[in-house]
Amino acid sequence: MTPPVVVTIAGSDSGGAAGIAADLTTFAALGVHGACVVTAVTAQDTTGVRAVHPVPLDVVAAQLDAVLEDLDPAAVKTGMLATPEVVRLVAERCADRLLVVDPVVVATSGAVLASEEVVRAYREHLLPVATVSTPNAEEHDALGRPDLPTVLVTRGGDIPTTNDHGTGCTHSAALASYLALGDDLPTAAARADAFVARQLLVSQHWRLGRGRGPVAHVHPSTTPTHRGAPA
């Protein structure tokens, strides 16, 4: 059977934990075909974000048009949109699609990742046309606790771990995948929660980086071991 297509519109993560890296690996794990529109190139690792380089609007638009016109995605998932112009572009081009908005504006650490202009563009343009939004608690507050659309405030799992970088991206990518596969929203939300909890357990004792390590994007049955690593 041909898999449904889900497109992520988000930034890169050089550490491989969040953003497009998390989205595409989650899509693959859940059996959907992942397409991507890169909105920003970030230099980041487990200790934080070092630099952000927004992709020019015309290049973002060209990527998005290429995906929408050729692959006709069943669902669209957003992450870091970087500029208010890109937020408005996504709202205009994706308003009639199943749209999962992960508003990357404030990190769980409290670090501000978006300007007030970007936050305003979310409130005025993108959130009103979204199917569902998945802010963390800090983002929900920054956005003014919107009552449109359906909002699932992500808080991470109850798994005791410091390897949780990319949890929000993974959750929203899983939610978009399950919706594309035909689940209704309550079912998709429950399955996305369960998927994230499983992946946090996989990476619970990993030792990657000097800060908060990545949530796993591999599965217990396929996680490799190497000499000197715990089995």
Protein backbone atom coordinates (compact mmCIF):
# COMPACT_ATOMS: atom_id res chain seq x y z
CA MET A 1 0.00 0.00 0.00
CA THR A 2 1.27 3.48 -0.85
CA PRO A 3 1.91 5.36 2.41
CA PRO A 4 0.33 8.74 3.08
CA VAL A 5 2.60 11.76 2.84
CA VAL A 6 3.23 14.08 5.78
CA VAL A 7 5.30 17.22 5.28
CA THR A 8 7.21 18.99 8.02
CA ILE A 9 7.80 22.73 7.69
CA ALA A 10 10.53 23.39 10.22
CA GLY A 11 14.16 24.14 10.99
CA SER A 12 17.15 21.84 10.97
CA ASP A 13 18.93 20.64 14.11
CA SER A 14 22.63 19.95 13.69
CA GLY A 15 22.50 17.73 16.77
CA GLY A 16 19.89 15.47 15.18
CA ALA A 17 17.49 15.63 18.13
CA ALA A 18 14.74 18.06 17.17
CA GLY A 19 13.27 19.87 14.19
CA ILE A 20 13.31 18.19 10.81
CA ALA A 21 15.61 15.43 12.06
CA ALA A 22 13.08 14.38 14.69
CA ASP A 23 10.14 14.77 12.33
CA LEU A 24 11.47 12.69 9.43
CA THR A 25 12.68 9.86 11.65
CA THR A 26 9.32 9.78 13.45
CA PHE A 27 7.45 9.73 10.13
CA ALA A 28 9.58 6.80 8.96
CA ALA A 29 9.07 4.91 12.23
CA LEU A 30 5.30 5.22 11.94
CA GLY A 31 4.98 4.24 8.29
CA VAL A 32 4.28 7.53 6.53
CA HIS A 33 6.37 9.13 3.81
CA GLY A 34 8.06 12.27 5.08
CA ALA A 35 8.63 15.38 2.98
CA CYS A 36 10.26 18.53 4.29
CA VAL A 37 10.37 22.29 3.88
CA VAL A 38 13.41 23.83 5.58
CA THR A 39 12.64 27.20 7.16
CA ALA A 40 15.85 27.77 9.09
CA VAL A 41 19.28 26.26 9.57
CA THR A 42 20.24 26.08 13.22
CA ALA A 43 23.54 25.38 14.93
CA GLN A 44 22.54 23.54 18.07
CA ASP A 45 23.54 20.67 20.29
CA THR A 46 22.43 19.17 23.58
CA THR A 47 23.45 22.32 25.47
CA GLY A 48 21.47 24.86 23.45
CA VAL A 49 21.02 26.82 20.24
CA ARG A 50 24.16 28.62 19.03
CA ALA A 51 22.85 30.26 15.86
CA VAL A 52 19.76 30.46 13.66
CA HIS A 53 19.85 31.32 9.95
CA PRO A 54 16.36 31.82 8.46
CA VAL A 55 15.88 30.55 4.90
CA PRO A 56 14.71 33.32 2.51
CA LEU A 57 10.96 33.49 2.04
CA ASP A 58 11.06 32.75 -1.69
CA VAL A 59 13.07 29.58 -1.09
CA VAL A 60 10.65 28.42 1.61
CA ALA A 61 7.74 29.13 -0.73
CA ALA A 62 9.39 27.20 -3.59
CA GLN A 63 9.94 24.15 -1.36
CA LEU A 64 6.37 24.27 -0.09
CA ASP A 65 4.89 24.62 -3.58
CA ALA A 66 6.97 21.69 -4.82
CA VAL A 67 5.64 19.41 -2.08
CA LEU A 68 2.01 20.56 -2.19
CA GLU A 69 1.74 20.43 -5.97
CA ASP A 70 3.45 17.08 -6.51
CA LEU A 71 2.99 14.95 -3.39
CA ASP A 72 -0.38 16.22 -2.09
CA PRO A 73 0.36 15.53 1.59
CA ALA A 74 -2.35 14.07 3.80
CA ALA A 75 -1.10 16.18 6.71
CA VAL A 76 1.13 19.17 7.32
CA LYS A 77 3.18 19.61 10.50
CA THR A 78 4.95 22.82 11.44
CA GLY A 79 7.90 23.49 13.72
CA MET A 80 10.20 26.50 13.79
CA LEU A 81 8.88 28.98 11.21
CA ALA A 82 11.45 31.67 12.06
CA THR A 83 9.78 34.75 10.54
CA PRO A 84 6.27 36.24 10.51
CA GLU A 85 6.30 36.12 6.70
CA VAL A 86 6.78 32.36 6.75
CA VAL A 87 4.03 31.96 9.36
CA ARG A 88 1.65 33.86 7.07
CA LEU A 89 2.80 31.85 4.03
CA VAL A 90 1.98 28.56 5.74
CA ALA A 91 -1.40 29.89 6.86
CA GLU A 92 -2.24 30.89 3.29
CA ARG A 93 -1.02 27.74 1.55
CA CYS A 94 -2.11 25.12 4.09
CA ALA A 95 -5.41 26.43 5.46
CA ASP A 96 -7.42 23.74 3.69
CA ARG A 97 -5.29 20.83 4.88
CA LEU A 98 -5.00 18.74 8.02
CA LEU A 99 -2.60 21.01 9.86
CA VAL A 100 -0.71 20.24 13.07
CA VAL A 101 0.95 23.39 14.43
CA ASP A 102 3.78 22.97 16.90
CA PRO A 103 4.43 26.65 17.70
CA VAL A 104 8.15 26.74 18.40
CA VAL A 105 8.35 30.07 20.22
CA VAL A 106 9.59 29.28 23.75
CA ALA A 107 11.76 26.39 24.90
CA THR A 108 10.84 24.44 28.02
CA SER A 109 13.97 26.00 29.55
CA GLY A 110 12.31 29.39 29.12
CA ALA A 111 14.56 30.50 26.24
CA VAL A 112 12.68 32.70 23.76
CA LEU A 113 12.96 31.30 20.23
CA ALA A 114 10.68 33.70 18.32
CA SER A 115 10.08 37.43 18.15
CA GLU A 116 6.85 39.10 19.22
CA GLU A 117 6.07 39.60 15.53
CA VAL A 118 6.25 35.84 14.95
CA VAL A 119 4.06 35.19 18.00
CA ARG A 120 1.51 37.71 16.73
CA ALA A 121 1.51 36.05 13.29
CA TYR A 122 0.76 32.71 14.94
CA ARG A 123 -2.16 34.19 16.86
CA GLU A 124 -3.62 36.15 13.98
CA HIS A 125 -2.97 33.92 10.98
CA LEU A 126 -1.84 30.34 11.62
CA LEU A 127 -3.63 29.16 14.75
CA PRO A 128 -7.09 30.09 13.40
CA VAL A 129 -6.63 27.71 10.44
CA ALA A 130 -4.88 24.87 12.32
CA THR A 131 -6.53 21.52 12.97
CA VAL A 132 -4.67 21.17 16.26
CA SER A 133 -1.85 22.98 18.05
CA THR A 134 0.72 21.40 20.38
CA PRO A 135 2.46 24.13 22.42
CA ASN A 136 4.39 23.41 25.57
CA ALA A 137 3.16 25.19 28.70
CA GLU A 138 5.47 28.18 28.19
CA GLU A 139 4.39 28.54 24.56
CA HIS A 140 0.73 28.28 25.51
CA ASP A 141 1.21 31.23 27.85
CA ALA A 142 3.22 33.23 25.29
CA LEU A 143 0.47 32.73 22.70
CA GLY A 144 -2.16 34.06 25.10
CA ARG A 145 -3.71 30.65 25.85
CA PRO A 146 -5.64 30.53 22.55
CA ASP A 147 -8.98 28.74 22.43
CA LEU A 148 -8.64 28.10 18.69
CA PRO A 149 -7.88 25.52 17.44
CA THR A 150 -7.93 22.36 19.55
CA VAL A 151 -4.89 22.73 21.79
CA LEU A 152 -2.92 19.85 23.28
CA VAL A 153 -0.44 21.32 25.76
CA THR A 154 2.61 19.06 25.76
CA ARG A 155 4.42 18.48 29.04
CA GLY A 156 6.68 15.59 28.12
CA GLY A 157 6.33 12.17 29.62
CA ASP A 158 6.54 11.04 33.21
CA ILE A 159 9.74 9.18 32.40
CA PRO A 160 12.64 10.26 34.65
CA THR A 161 15.30 11.15 32.09
CA THR A 162 17.52 13.99 30.95
CA ASN A 163 17.42 12.63 27.38
CA ASP A 164 14.35 14.50 26.25
CA HIS A 165 15.58 17.01 23.67
CA GLY A 166 13.16 16.88 20.74
CA THR A 167 10.23 15.51 22.72
CA GLY A 168 7.80 18.17 21.48
CA CYS A 169 8.81 17.74 17.84
CA THR A 170 8.54 13.98 18.11
CA HIS A 171 5.10 14.21 19.71
CA SER A 172 3.66 16.55 17.08
CA ALA A 173 5.22 14.53 14.26
CA ALA A 174 3.66 11.35 15.68
CA LEU A 175 0.32 13.10 16.04
CA ALA A 176 0.43 14.23 12.39
CA SER A 177 1.39 10.72 11.30
CA TYR A 178 -1.48 9.02 13.10
CA LEU A 179 -3.94 11.60 11.77
CA ALA A 180 -2.64 11.01 8.23
CA LEU A 181 -3.12 7.27 8.75
CA GLY A 182 -6.80 7.86 9.53
CA ASP A 183 -7.07 8.09 13.31
CA ASP A 184 -9.48 10.60 14.82
CA LEU A 185 -7.91 13.29 16.99
CA PRO A 186 -8.44 11.67 20.44
CA THR A 187 -7.04 8.35 19.20
CA ALA A 188 -4.11 10.00 17.43
CA ALA A 189 -3.31 12.05 20.53
CA ALA A 190 -3.32 9.01 22.78
CA ARG A 191 -1.13 7.03 20.38
CA ALA A 192 1.30 9.95 20.03
CA ASP A 193 1.60 10.17 23.83
CA ALA A 194 2.29 6.44 24.04
CA PHE A 195 4.87 6.61 21.24
CA VAL A 196 6.80 9.41 22.96
CA ALA A 197 6.73 7.58 26.28
CA ARG A 198 8.18 4.46 24.63
CA GLN A 199 10.92 6.47 22.93
CA LEU A 200 11.86 8.24 26.16
CA LEU A 201 12.30 4.84 27.77
CA VAL A 202 14.59 3.73 24.93
CA SER A 203 16.93 6.71 25.37
CA GLN A 204 16.56 6.99 29.15
CA HIS A 205 20.12 5.91 29.93
CA TRP A 206 21.92 7.06 26.80
CA ARG A 207 25.06 9.17 27.11
CA LEU A 208 24.99 11.53 24.14
CA GLY A 209 26.35 15.06 24.49
CA ARG A 210 27.05 17.24 27.50
CA GLY A 211 23.52 18.57 28.04
CA ARG A 212 20.00 17.25 27.63
CA GLY A 213 20.35 14.34 25.24
CA PRO A 214 17.95 13.42 22.44
CA VAL A 215 14.77 11.44 22.77
CA ALA A 216 15.29 8.19 20.86
CA HIS A 217 14.33 7.90 17.23
CA VAL A 218 15.17 4.22 17.08
CA HIS A 219 13.23 1.24 18.39
CA PRO A 220 14.19 -1.18 21.17
CA SER A 221 14.41 -4.12 18.75
CA THR A 222 16.77 -2.26 16.42
CA THR A 223 18.87 -0.23 18.87
CA PRO A 224 22.51 -1.20 18.16
CA THR A 225 25.08 -1.78 20.85
CA HIS A 226 28.81 -1.30 20.54
CA ARG A 227 31.85 -2.18 22.56
CA GLY A 228 31.83 -0.34 25.86
CA ALA A 229 28.16 0.64 25.61
CA PRO A 230 25.50 -0.80 27.89
CA ALA A 231 23.42 -3.48 26.15
